Amino acid sequence: MRLAAVAVACALLCARTAAADKLPSGAIGPVFGLVSGTGADAKRLGFGVYTFGLQAAWSPMQTENHVGWSVRWSTMFGWFYGGNAARIDSTLRTVQMDLSAGGRFRPWPSPRRYLTARVGAQLFRSNQPIALAGEADTMSEREFVGGVATVGFEQYLGSTLLSIDVRYGLVPEGPKHVALLVGIALTGP
């Protein structure tokens, strides 16, 4: 009986409150996707693919939290086909770099699945000049700076993070485009 009382006393003295599990804060990996011009820029840009990209994110959160913040940087290389901006070559090649910040939301019980929403700034560059809005026949710019907005879904799969995003490039006076992106990233501390 004394041994049981000593064991219970030791267990109570040594017991600590359980802390929430920490999710990996960082993620880095490739991203691929489909992209298309929108509105008047659908004819200018056409449709295409992001053949290769890289993204890195920082999202510090614990599993007990349902809301958190996130910052993401990405660089993507794209090929557009069927657009009238491709005058020199049949393919319009682009590079898009963006930095965005926003939130992660967990509306369900699983601590490994999140909805995301981010806004930020982007640099969009093409290998051929793209006419500005309202100047369809004028050769214009190759570099554009503007905003970007994304909504998406993230799922932790062991030590990797699968992300699916819909991204809208809000370049004022420049080529507006929408993309469906899939990324697979390694996660870390």
N, C-alpha and C. Protein backbone atom coordinates (compact mmCIF):
# COMPACT_ATOMS: atom_id res chain seq x y z
N MET A 1 0.82 -1.18 0.00
CA MET A 1 0.00 0.00 0.00
C MET A 1 0.87 1.25 0.00
N ARG A 2 1.95 1.19 0.82
CA ARG A 2 2.85 2.34 0.86
C ARG A 2 3.51 2.57 -0.49
N LEU A 3 3.86 1.49 -1.18
CA LEU A 3 4.51 1.60 -2.48
C LEU A 3 3.57 2.27 -3.49
N ALA A 4 2.28 1.95 -3.43
CA ALA A 4 1.31 2.57 -4.34
C ALA A 4 1.17 4.05 -4.02
N ALA A 5 1.16 4.41 -2.73
CA ALA A 5 1.03 5.82 -2.35
C ALA A 5 2.26 6.62 -2.78
N VAL A 6 3.44 6.03 -2.66
CA VAL A 6 4.67 6.69 -3.10
C VAL A 6 4.65 6.87 -4.62
N ALA A 7 4.19 5.86 -5.35
CA ALA A 7 4.12 5.95 -6.81
C ALA A 7 3.15 7.05 -7.24
N VAL A 8 1.99 7.15 -6.59
CA VAL A 8 1.02 8.20 -6.92
C VAL A 8 1.59 9.58 -6.57
N ALA A 9 2.25 9.69 -5.42
CA ALA A 9 2.85 10.97 -5.03
C ALA A 9 3.93 11.39 -6.03
N CYS A 10 4.77 10.46 -6.45
CA CYS A 10 5.81 10.77 -7.45
C CYS A 10 5.18 11.18 -8.77
N ALA A 11 4.13 10.49 -9.18
CA ALA A 11 3.46 10.82 -10.44
C ALA A 11 2.86 12.22 -10.39
N LEU A 12 2.25 12.58 -9.26
CA LEU A 12 1.66 13.91 -9.13
C LEU A 12 2.72 15.01 -9.09
N LEU A 13 3.85 14.74 -8.44
CA LEU A 13 4.91 15.73 -8.37
C LEU A 13 5.62 15.92 -9.71
N CYS A 14 5.75 14.84 -10.45
CA CYS A 14 6.47 14.89 -11.73
C CYS A 14 5.57 15.27 -12.90
N ALA A 15 4.28 15.21 -12.69
CA ALA A 15 3.35 15.48 -13.80
C ALA A 15 3.39 16.96 -14.18
N ARG A 16 3.36 17.20 -15.47
CA ARG A 16 3.28 18.57 -15.99
C ARG A 16 2.06 18.66 -16.89
N THR A 17 1.62 19.86 -17.10
CA THR A 17 0.50 20.01 -18.03
C THR A 17 1.01 19.72 -19.43
N ALA A 18 0.19 19.10 -20.21
CA ALA A 18 0.58 18.75 -21.58
C ALA A 18 0.58 20.00 -22.44
N ALA A 19 1.69 20.23 -23.11
CA ALA A 19 1.78 21.37 -24.02
C ALA A 19 1.28 20.96 -25.39
N ALA A 20 0.79 21.93 -26.12
CA ALA A 20 0.32 21.67 -27.49
C ALA A 20 1.51 21.32 -28.37
N ASP A 21 1.28 20.45 -29.32
CA ASP A 21 2.32 20.11 -30.28
C ASP A 21 2.58 21.30 -31.18
N LYS A 22 3.83 21.50 -31.49
CA LYS A 22 4.20 22.59 -32.37
C LYS A 22 4.27 22.07 -33.79
N LEU A 23 3.65 22.78 -34.72
CA LEU A 23 3.75 22.42 -36.13
C LEU A 23 5.07 22.93 -36.67
N PRO A 24 5.63 22.29 -37.68
CA PRO A 24 6.85 22.82 -38.29
C PRO A 24 6.58 24.23 -38.84
N SER A 25 7.42 25.18 -38.51
CA SER A 25 7.20 26.57 -38.91
C SER A 25 7.61 26.86 -40.34
N GLY A 26 8.68 26.25 -40.80
CA GLY A 26 9.20 26.56 -42.13
C GLY A 26 8.85 25.50 -43.15
N ALA A 27 8.80 25.92 -44.41
CA ALA A 27 8.55 25.00 -45.52
C ALA A 27 9.23 25.56 -46.76
N ILE A 28 9.89 24.69 -47.54
CA ILE A 28 10.52 25.11 -48.78
C ILE A 28 10.41 23.96 -49.78
N GLY A 29 10.06 24.32 -51.03
CA GLY A 29 9.94 23.28 -52.03
C GLY A 29 9.46 23.79 -53.37
N PRO A 30 9.34 22.89 -54.34
CA PRO A 30 8.93 23.28 -55.69
C PRO A 30 7.43 23.56 -55.79
N VAL A 31 7.06 24.34 -56.80
CA VAL A 31 5.66 24.65 -57.08
C VAL A 31 5.47 24.62 -58.61
N PHE A 32 4.35 24.08 -59.04
CA PHE A 32 4.00 23.98 -60.46
C PHE A 32 2.56 24.41 -60.62
N GLY A 33 2.15 24.72 -61.85
CA GLY A 33 0.75 25.06 -62.02
C GLY A 33 0.35 25.46 -63.41
N LEU A 34 -0.94 25.76 -63.53
CA LEU A 34 -1.55 26.25 -64.75
C LEU A 34 -1.86 27.72 -64.57
N VAL A 35 -1.74 28.51 -65.65
CA VAL A 35 -1.96 29.96 -65.56
C VAL A 35 -2.66 30.44 -66.81
N SER A 36 -3.44 31.51 -66.67
CA SER A 36 -4.13 32.10 -67.81
C SER A 36 -4.31 33.58 -67.57
N GLY A 37 -4.28 34.35 -68.65
CA GLY A 37 -4.63 35.76 -68.55
C GLY A 37 -6.11 35.88 -68.25
N THR A 38 -6.54 36.98 -67.63
CA THR A 38 -7.95 37.19 -67.32
C THR A 38 -8.44 38.46 -67.98
N GLY A 39 -9.74 38.52 -68.25
CA GLY A 39 -10.34 39.70 -68.86
C GLY A 39 -9.72 40.00 -70.21
N ALA A 40 -9.36 41.27 -70.44
CA ALA A 40 -8.72 41.68 -71.69
C ALA A 40 -7.35 41.01 -71.86
N ASP A 41 -6.74 40.64 -70.77
CA ASP A 41 -5.41 40.01 -70.84
C ASP A 41 -5.47 38.53 -71.21
N ALA A 42 -6.67 37.95 -71.30
CA ALA A 42 -6.79 36.57 -71.74
C ALA A 42 -6.29 36.45 -73.18
N LYS A 43 -6.59 37.42 -74.02
CA LYS A 43 -6.11 37.41 -75.41
C LYS A 43 -4.64 37.79 -75.48
N ARG A 44 -4.22 38.72 -74.65
CA ARG A 44 -2.81 39.15 -74.67
C ARG A 44 -1.86 38.06 -74.21
N LEU A 45 -2.19 37.43 -73.09
CA LEU A 45 -1.29 36.42 -72.50
C LEU A 45 -1.57 35.01 -72.99
N GLY A 46 -2.81 34.67 -73.19
CA GLY A 46 -3.17 33.30 -73.51
C GLY A 46 -3.21 32.45 -72.26
N PHE A 47 -2.85 31.19 -72.40
CA PHE A 47 -2.83 30.26 -71.26
C PHE A 47 -1.46 29.62 -71.20
N GLY A 48 -1.15 29.03 -70.07
CA GLY A 48 0.17 28.43 -69.97
C GLY A 48 0.38 27.60 -68.73
N VAL A 49 1.66 27.32 -68.47
CA VAL A 49 2.05 26.51 -67.32
C VAL A 49 3.23 27.18 -66.62
N TYR A 50 3.28 27.01 -65.33
CA TYR A 50 4.47 27.33 -64.58
C TYR A 50 5.27 26.04 -64.53
N THR A 51 6.30 25.96 -65.36
CA THR A 51 7.06 24.72 -65.51
C THR A 51 7.92 24.43 -64.29
N PHE A 52 8.36 25.48 -63.62
CA PHE A 52 9.16 25.28 -62.42
C PHE A 52 9.04 26.52 -61.54
N GLY A 53 9.02 26.29 -60.27
CA GLY A 53 9.00 27.38 -59.31
C GLY A 53 9.51 26.89 -57.98
N LEU A 54 9.79 27.82 -57.11
CA LEU A 54 10.25 27.51 -55.77
C LEU A 54 9.54 28.44 -54.81
N GLN A 55 9.07 27.90 -53.70
CA GLN A 55 8.43 28.73 -52.68
C GLN A 55 8.95 28.36 -51.31
N ALA A 56 8.96 29.37 -50.46
CA ALA A 56 9.37 29.18 -49.07
C ALA A 56 8.36 29.92 -48.19
N ALA A 57 7.99 29.30 -47.09
CA ALA A 57 6.98 29.89 -46.20
C ALA A 57 7.42 29.79 -44.75
N TRP A 58 6.94 30.73 -43.96
CA TRP A 58 7.15 30.73 -42.51
C TRP A 58 5.78 30.88 -41.87
N SER A 59 5.35 29.86 -41.12
CA SER A 59 4.01 29.83 -40.53
C SER A 59 4.07 29.27 -39.11
N PRO A 60 4.50 30.08 -38.13
CA PRO A 60 4.60 29.56 -36.76
C PRO A 60 3.22 29.37 -36.13
N MET A 61 2.92 28.14 -35.74
CA MET A 61 1.62 27.80 -35.14
C MET A 61 1.75 26.58 -34.25
N GLN A 62 0.82 26.45 -33.32
CA GLN A 62 0.70 25.24 -32.52
C GLN A 62 -0.58 24.54 -32.90
N THR A 63 -0.66 23.25 -32.63
CA THR A 63 -1.82 22.47 -33.06
C THR A 63 -3.11 22.90 -32.36
N GLU A 64 -3.03 23.53 -31.21
CA GLU A 64 -4.25 23.95 -30.51
C GLU A 64 -4.85 25.22 -31.11
N ASN A 65 -4.09 25.96 -31.90
CA ASN A 65 -4.58 27.20 -32.51
C ASN A 65 -5.39 26.90 -33.77
N HIS A 66 -6.46 27.65 -33.94
CA HIS A 66 -7.28 27.53 -35.16
C HIS A 66 -6.97 28.64 -36.16
N VAL A 67 -6.25 29.67 -35.72
CA VAL A 67 -5.91 30.80 -36.59
C VAL A 67 -4.44 31.15 -36.36
N GLY A 68 -3.74 31.44 -37.44
CA GLY A 68 -2.34 31.82 -37.35
C GLY A 68 -1.97 32.69 -38.53
N TRP A 69 -0.73 33.11 -38.58
CA TRP A 69 -0.27 33.96 -39.68
C TRP A 69 0.79 33.23 -40.49
N SER A 70 1.06 33.76 -41.67
CA SER A 70 2.01 33.10 -42.57
C SER A 70 2.60 34.13 -43.53
N VAL A 71 3.86 33.92 -43.90
CA VAL A 71 4.55 34.73 -44.91
C VAL A 71 5.09 33.75 -45.95
N ARG A 72 4.91 34.09 -47.23
CA ARG A 72 5.40 33.20 -48.29
C ARG A 72 6.09 34.00 -49.38
N TRP A 73 7.22 33.48 -49.83
CA TRP A 73 7.94 34.02 -50.98
C TRP A 73 7.93 32.95 -52.06
N SER A 74 7.78 33.36 -53.33
CA SER A 74 7.85 32.39 -54.42
C SER A 74 8.44 33.03 -55.67
N THR A 75 9.07 32.20 -56.47
CA THR A 75 9.57 32.56 -57.79
C THR A 75 9.14 31.45 -58.73
N MET A 76 8.49 31.84 -59.85
CA MET A 76 7.98 30.84 -60.79
C MET A 76 8.33 31.23 -62.22
N PHE A 77 8.67 30.24 -63.02
CA PHE A 77 8.99 30.43 -64.43
C PHE A 77 7.85 29.85 -65.25
N GLY A 78 7.25 30.68 -66.13
CA GLY A 78 6.09 30.25 -66.88
C GLY A 78 6.26 30.34 -68.38
N TRP A 79 5.43 29.59 -69.08
CA TRP A 79 5.35 29.58 -70.53
C TRP A 79 3.89 29.81 -70.89
N PHE A 80 3.60 30.89 -71.64
CA PHE A 80 2.25 31.19 -72.10
C PHE A 80 2.14 30.88 -73.59
N TYR A 81 1.02 30.30 -73.98
CA TYR A 81 0.77 29.94 -75.38
C TYR A 81 -0.52 30.60 -75.87
N GLY A 82 -0.60 30.90 -77.15
CA GLY A 82 -1.84 31.37 -77.76
C GLY A 82 -2.19 32.82 -77.50
N GLY A 83 -1.29 33.60 -76.94
CA GLY A 83 -1.58 35.00 -76.69
C GLY A 83 -1.01 35.88 -77.79
N ASN A 84 -1.64 37.04 -78.03
CA ASN A 84 -1.13 37.93 -79.08
C ASN A 84 0.04 38.78 -78.62
N ALA A 85 0.43 38.71 -77.34
CA ALA A 85 1.63 39.43 -76.87
C ALA A 85 2.89 38.72 -77.34
N ALA A 86 2.77 37.43 -77.70
CA ALA A 86 3.91 36.66 -78.18
C ALA A 86 4.10 36.95 -79.68
N ARG A 87 4.77 38.04 -79.98
CA ARG A 87 4.92 38.47 -81.38
C ARG A 87 6.24 38.03 -81.99
N ILE A 88 7.28 37.93 -81.21
CA ILE A 88 8.60 37.57 -81.71
C ILE A 88 8.74 36.05 -81.77
N ASP A 89 8.31 35.41 -80.72
CA ASP A 89 8.37 33.95 -80.59
C ASP A 89 6.94 33.51 -80.29
N SER A 90 6.58 32.27 -80.59
CA SER A 90 5.22 31.81 -80.34
C SER A 90 4.93 31.59 -78.86
N THR A 91 5.97 31.58 -78.05
CA THR A 91 5.82 31.37 -76.61
C THR A 91 6.23 32.62 -75.85
N LEU A 92 5.38 33.04 -74.93
CA LEU A 92 5.70 34.15 -74.04
C LEU A 92 6.24 33.53 -72.76
N ARG A 93 7.50 33.77 -72.45
CA ARG A 93 8.11 33.22 -71.25
C ARG A 93 8.13 34.29 -70.16
N THR A 94 7.82 33.89 -68.95
CA THR A 94 7.71 34.85 -67.85
C THR A 94 8.43 34.37 -66.60
N VAL A 95 8.74 35.32 -65.75
CA VAL A 95 9.23 35.05 -64.40
C VAL A 95 8.37 35.88 -63.47
N GLN A 96 7.85 35.25 -62.44
CA GLN A 96 7.05 35.97 -61.45
C GLN A 96 7.65 35.74 -60.08
N MET A 97 7.93 36.82 -59.37
CA MET A 97 8.42 36.72 -57.99
C MET A 97 7.43 37.47 -57.11
N ASP A 98 7.06 36.87 -56.00
CA ASP A 98 6.13 37.57 -55.10
C ASP A 98 6.44 37.27 -53.65
N LEU A 99 6.02 38.19 -52.82
CA LEU A 99 6.12 38.07 -51.36
C LEU A 99 4.74 38.41 -50.82
N SER A 100 4.15 37.48 -50.06
CA SER A 100 2.80 37.70 -49.54
C SER A 100 2.73 37.32 -48.07
N ALA A 101 1.76 37.90 -47.40
CA ALA A 101 1.52 37.61 -45.98
C ALA A 101 0.02 37.46 -45.79
N GLY A 102 -0.35 36.65 -44.81
CA GLY A 102 -1.77 36.45 -44.56
C GLY A 102 -2.02 35.50 -43.41
N GLY A 103 -3.16 34.85 -43.47
CA GLY A 103 -3.57 33.99 -42.38
C GLY A 103 -3.78 32.55 -42.78
N ARG A 104 -3.72 31.69 -41.77
CA ARG A 104 -4.06 30.28 -41.91
C ARG A 104 -5.23 30.01 -40.97
N PHE A 105 -6.22 29.29 -41.46
CA PHE A 105 -7.43 29.04 -40.70
C PHE A 105 -7.71 27.54 -40.70
N ARG A 106 -8.12 27.03 -39.52
CA ARG A 106 -8.43 25.61 -39.39
C ARG A 106 -9.87 25.45 -38.93
N PRO A 107 -10.82 25.32 -39.87
CA PRO A 107 -12.23 25.20 -39.48
C PRO A 107 -12.64 23.78 -39.08
N TRP A 108 -11.77 22.79 -39.15
CA TRP A 108 -12.09 21.41 -38.82
C TRP A 108 -11.19 20.93 -37.69
N PRO A 109 -11.46 19.78 -37.11
CA PRO A 109 -10.68 19.32 -35.96
C PRO A 109 -9.24 18.91 -36.27
N SER A 110 -8.96 18.47 -37.49
CA SER A 110 -7.61 17.99 -37.80
C SER A 110 -6.58 19.12 -37.74
N PRO A 111 -5.53 18.99 -36.93
CA PRO A 111 -4.51 20.04 -36.84
C PRO A 111 -3.50 19.98 -37.97
N ARG A 112 -3.73 19.18 -39.00
CA ARG A 112 -2.79 19.02 -40.10
C ARG A 112 -3.33 19.59 -41.41
N ARG A 113 -4.48 20.28 -41.37
CA ARG A 113 -5.13 20.78 -42.57
C ARG A 113 -5.60 22.22 -42.36
N TYR A 114 -5.27 23.12 -43.31
CA TYR A 114 -5.57 24.55 -43.13
C TYR A 114 -6.06 25.19 -44.43
N LEU A 115 -6.88 26.20 -44.29
CA LEU A 115 -7.22 27.10 -45.39
C LEU A 115 -6.32 28.31 -45.25
N THR A 116 -5.92 28.91 -46.37
CA THR A 116 -5.02 30.07 -46.32
C THR A 116 -5.58 31.21 -47.16
N ALA A 117 -5.19 32.41 -46.81
CA ALA A 117 -5.49 33.62 -47.59
C ALA A 117 -4.32 34.57 -47.40
N ARG A 118 -3.75 35.05 -48.51
CA ARG A 118 -2.59 35.94 -48.44
C ARG A 118 -2.72 37.05 -49.47
N VAL A 119 -2.10 38.19 -49.19
CA VAL A 119 -1.98 39.30 -50.15
C VAL A 119 -0.53 39.77 -50.10
N GLY A 120 -0.09 40.36 -51.21
CA GLY A 120 1.29 40.83 -51.24
C GLY A 120 1.62 41.55 -52.52
N ALA A 121 2.90 41.62 -52.80
CA ALA A 121 3.41 42.33 -53.98
C ALA A 121 4.14 41.35 -54.88
N GLN A 122 4.13 41.65 -56.19
CA GLN A 122 4.80 40.78 -57.13
C GLN A 122 5.54 41.57 -58.19
N LEU A 123 6.54 40.93 -58.74
CA LEU A 123 7.27 41.42 -59.90
C LEU A 123 7.02 40.41 -61.01
N PHE A 124 6.53 40.89 -62.16
CA PHE A 124 6.20 40.03 -63.29
C PHE A 124 7.03 40.50 -64.47
N ARG A 125 7.81 39.61 -65.06
CA ARG A 125 8.69 39.97 -66.18
C ARG A 125 8.50 38.98 -67.31
N SER A 126 8.50 39.47 -68.55
CA SER A 126 8.31 38.61 -69.71
C SER A 126 9.48 38.78 -70.68
N ASN A 127 9.64 37.80 -71.58
CA ASN A 127 10.72 37.87 -72.56
C ASN A 127 10.36 38.76 -73.75
N GLN A 128 9.08 39.15 -73.89
CA GLN A 128 8.63 40.02 -74.98
C GLN A 128 7.78 41.13 -74.39
N PRO A 129 7.78 42.31 -75.02
CA PRO A 129 6.96 43.41 -74.51
C PRO A 129 5.47 43.07 -74.56
N ILE A 130 4.75 43.49 -73.53
CA ILE A 130 3.30 43.28 -73.44
C ILE A 130 2.66 44.66 -73.43
N ALA A 131 1.66 44.87 -74.29
CA ALA A 131 0.98 46.16 -74.37
C ALA A 131 0.20 46.42 -73.08
N LEU A 132 0.17 47.68 -72.67
CA LEU A 132 -0.60 48.07 -71.49
C LEU A 132 -2.08 48.02 -71.81
N ALA A 133 -2.93 47.99 -70.79
CA ALA A 133 -4.38 47.96 -70.98
C ALA A 133 -4.81 49.18 -71.79
N GLY A 134 -5.63 48.96 -72.81
CA GLY A 134 -6.11 50.05 -73.65
C GLY A 134 -5.16 50.43 -74.77
N GLU A 135 -4.00 49.80 -74.86
CA GLU A 135 -3.01 50.10 -75.90
C GLU A 135 -2.64 48.80 -76.62
N ALA A 136 -3.64 48.12 -77.19
CA ALA A 136 -3.45 46.77 -77.73
C ALA A 136 -2.43 46.72 -78.86
N ASP A 137 -2.27 47.77 -79.65
CA ASP A 137 -1.35 47.71 -80.79
C ASP A 137 0.02 48.27 -80.48
N THR A 138 0.24 48.75 -79.29
CA THR A 138 1.50 49.37 -78.94
C THR A 138 2.40 48.39 -78.20
N MET A 139 3.65 48.26 -78.67
CA MET A 139 4.61 47.46 -77.91
C MET A 139 4.91 48.25 -76.64
N SER A 140 4.94 47.60 -75.52
CA SER A 140 5.03 48.35 -74.29
C SER A 140 6.11 47.81 -73.37
N GLU A 141 5.71 47.30 -72.24
CA GLU A 141 6.61 46.96 -71.15
C GLU A 141 6.91 45.47 -71.08
N ARG A 142 8.04 45.15 -70.44
CA ARG A 142 8.38 43.76 -70.14
C ARG A 142 8.37 43.48 -68.64
N GLU A 143 8.42 44.53 -67.82
CA GLU A 143 8.44 44.38 -66.37
C GLU A 143 7.25 45.09 -65.76
N PHE A 144 6.60 44.41 -64.83
CA PHE A 144 5.42 44.97 -64.17
C PHE A 144 5.52 44.70 -62.68
N VAL A 145 5.06 45.64 -61.88
CA VAL A 145 5.02 45.49 -60.42
C VAL A 145 3.59 45.74 -59.98
N GLY A 146 3.09 44.89 -59.11
CA GLY A 146 1.72 45.06 -58.63
C GLY A 146 1.43 44.14 -57.47
N GLY A 147 0.16 43.94 -57.24
CA GLY A 147 -0.27 43.12 -56.12
C GLY A 147 -0.55 41.69 -56.53
N VAL A 148 -0.71 40.84 -55.54
CA VAL A 148 -1.07 39.44 -55.75
C VAL A 148 -1.94 39.02 -54.56
N ALA A 149 -2.93 38.18 -54.83
CA ALA A 149 -3.79 37.64 -53.78
C ALA A 149 -3.94 36.14 -54.00
N THR A 150 -3.93 35.37 -52.93
CA THR A 150 -4.07 33.92 -53.03
C THR A 150 -5.04 33.40 -51.98
N VAL A 151 -5.74 32.35 -52.34
CA VAL A 151 -6.51 31.55 -51.38
C VAL A 151 -6.09 30.11 -51.63
N GLY A 152 -6.04 29.33 -50.58
CA GLY A 152 -5.56 27.98 -50.78
C GLY A 152 -5.87 27.02 -49.66
N PHE A 153 -5.28 25.84 -49.80
CA PHE A 153 -5.46 24.73 -48.88
C PHE A 153 -4.08 24.14 -48.61
N GLU A 154 -3.78 23.84 -47.35
CA GLU A 154 -2.51 23.21 -46.99
C GLU A 154 -2.77 21.96 -46.15
N GLN A 155 -2.01 20.90 -46.46
CA GLN A 155 -2.14 19.62 -45.74
C GLN A 155 -0.75 19.11 -45.41
N TYR A 156 -0.50 18.86 -44.11
CA TYR A 156 0.75 18.25 -43.69
C TYR A 156 0.67 16.75 -43.96
N LEU A 157 1.70 16.21 -44.61
CA LEU A 157 1.81 14.78 -44.89
C LEU A 157 3.17 14.34 -44.35
N GLY A 158 3.21 13.96 -43.09
CA GLY A 158 4.48 13.63 -42.46
C GLY A 158 5.35 14.87 -42.37
N SER A 159 6.54 14.82 -42.98
CA SER A 159 7.45 15.97 -42.94
C SER A 159 7.36 16.82 -44.21
N THR A 160 6.29 16.65 -44.97
CA THR A 160 6.07 17.49 -46.16
C THR A 160 4.76 18.24 -46.02
N LEU A 161 4.65 19.32 -46.79
CA LEU A 161 3.45 20.15 -46.79
C LEU A 161 2.95 20.26 -48.23
N LEU A 162 1.75 19.76 -48.48
CA LEU A 162 1.11 19.88 -49.79
C LEU A 162 0.27 21.14 -49.78
N SER A 163 0.45 22.00 -50.79
CA SER A 163 -0.35 23.22 -50.87
C SER A 163 -0.99 23.32 -52.25
N ILE A 164 -2.24 23.74 -52.26
CA ILE A 164 -2.97 24.00 -53.50
C ILE A 164 -3.51 25.41 -53.37
N ASP A 165 -3.12 26.28 -54.32
CA ASP A 165 -3.49 27.70 -54.26
C ASP A 165 -4.12 28.16 -55.56
N VAL A 166 -5.04 29.10 -55.44
CA VAL A 166 -5.51 29.88 -56.58
C VAL A 166 -4.94 31.26 -56.37
N ARG A 167 -4.16 31.73 -57.34
CA ARG A 167 -3.44 33.00 -57.22
C ARG A 167 -3.89 33.96 -58.31
N TYR A 168 -4.17 35.20 -57.93
CA TYR A 168 -4.60 36.22 -58.89
C TYR A 168 -3.59 37.35 -58.88
N GLY A 169 -3.01 37.63 -60.04
CA GLY A 169 -2.06 38.73 -60.18
C GLY A 169 -2.79 40.02 -60.48
N LEU A 170 -2.73 40.96 -59.56
CA LEU A 170 -3.47 42.22 -59.64
C LEU A 170 -2.58 43.35 -60.16
N VAL A 171 -1.89 43.13 -61.24
CA VAL A 171 -0.96 44.14 -61.74
C VAL A 171 -1.77 45.28 -62.34
N PRO A 172 -1.77 46.48 -61.74
CA PRO A 172 -2.51 47.59 -62.35
C PRO A 172 -1.82 48.01 -63.64
N GLU A 173 -2.59 48.26 -64.66
CA GLU A 173 -2.06 48.66 -65.96
C GLU A 173 -1.18 47.59 -66.60
N GLY A 174 -1.20 46.39 -66.10
CA GLY A 174 -0.36 45.33 -66.64
C GLY A 174 -1.13 44.05 -66.82
N PRO A 175 -0.45 42.95 -67.12
CA PRO A 175 -1.14 41.69 -67.41
C PRO A 175 -1.72 41.03 -66.16
N LYS A 176 -3.04 40.98 -66.13
CA LYS A 176 -3.72 40.30 -65.02
C LYS A 176 -3.83 38.82 -65.36
N HIS A 177 -3.58 37.99 -64.37
CA HIS A 177 -3.58 36.56 -64.62
C HIS A 177 -4.03 35.80 -63.38
N VAL A 178 -4.54 34.61 -63.61
CA VAL A 178 -4.97 33.74 -62.53
C VAL A 178 -4.28 32.39 -62.72
N ALA A 179 -3.89 31.76 -61.60
CA ALA A 179 -3.15 30.50 -61.68
C ALA A 179 -3.66 29.52 -60.64
N LEU A 180 -3.61 28.25 -60.98
CA LEU A 180 -3.86 27.16 -60.05
C LEU A 180 -2.52 26.50 -59.81
N LEU A 181 -2.04 26.55 -58.56
CA LEU A 181 -0.69 26.09 -58.23
C LEU A 181 -0.72 24.93 -57.24
N VAL A 182 0.21 24.00 -57.42
CA VAL A 182 0.39 22.88 -56.50
C VAL A 182 1.84 22.88 -56.06
N GLY A 183 2.07 22.88 -54.75
CA GLY A 183 3.41 22.86 -54.21
C GLY A 183 3.59 21.72 -53.23
N ILE A 184 4.79 21.17 -53.20
CA ILE A 184 5.15 20.14 -52.23
C ILE A 184 6.43 20.61 -51.56
N ALA A 185 6.36 20.85 -50.27
CA ALA A 185 7.50 21.43 -49.56
C ALA A 185 7.95 20.54 -48.41
N LEU A 186 9.25 20.56 -48.16
CA LEU A 186 9.80 19.93 -46.96
C LEU A 186 9.62 20.89 -45.81
N THR A 187 9.22 20.39 -44.67
CA THR A 187 8.99 21.25 -43.50
C THR A 187 10.14 21.13 -42.52
N GLY A 188 10.29 22.15 -41.73
CA GLY A 188 11.36 22.16 -40.75
C GLY A 188 10.99 22.96 -39.52
N PRO A 189 11.96 23.16 -38.68
CA PRO A 189 11.70 23.76 -37.39
C PRO A 189 11.03 25.07 -37.56
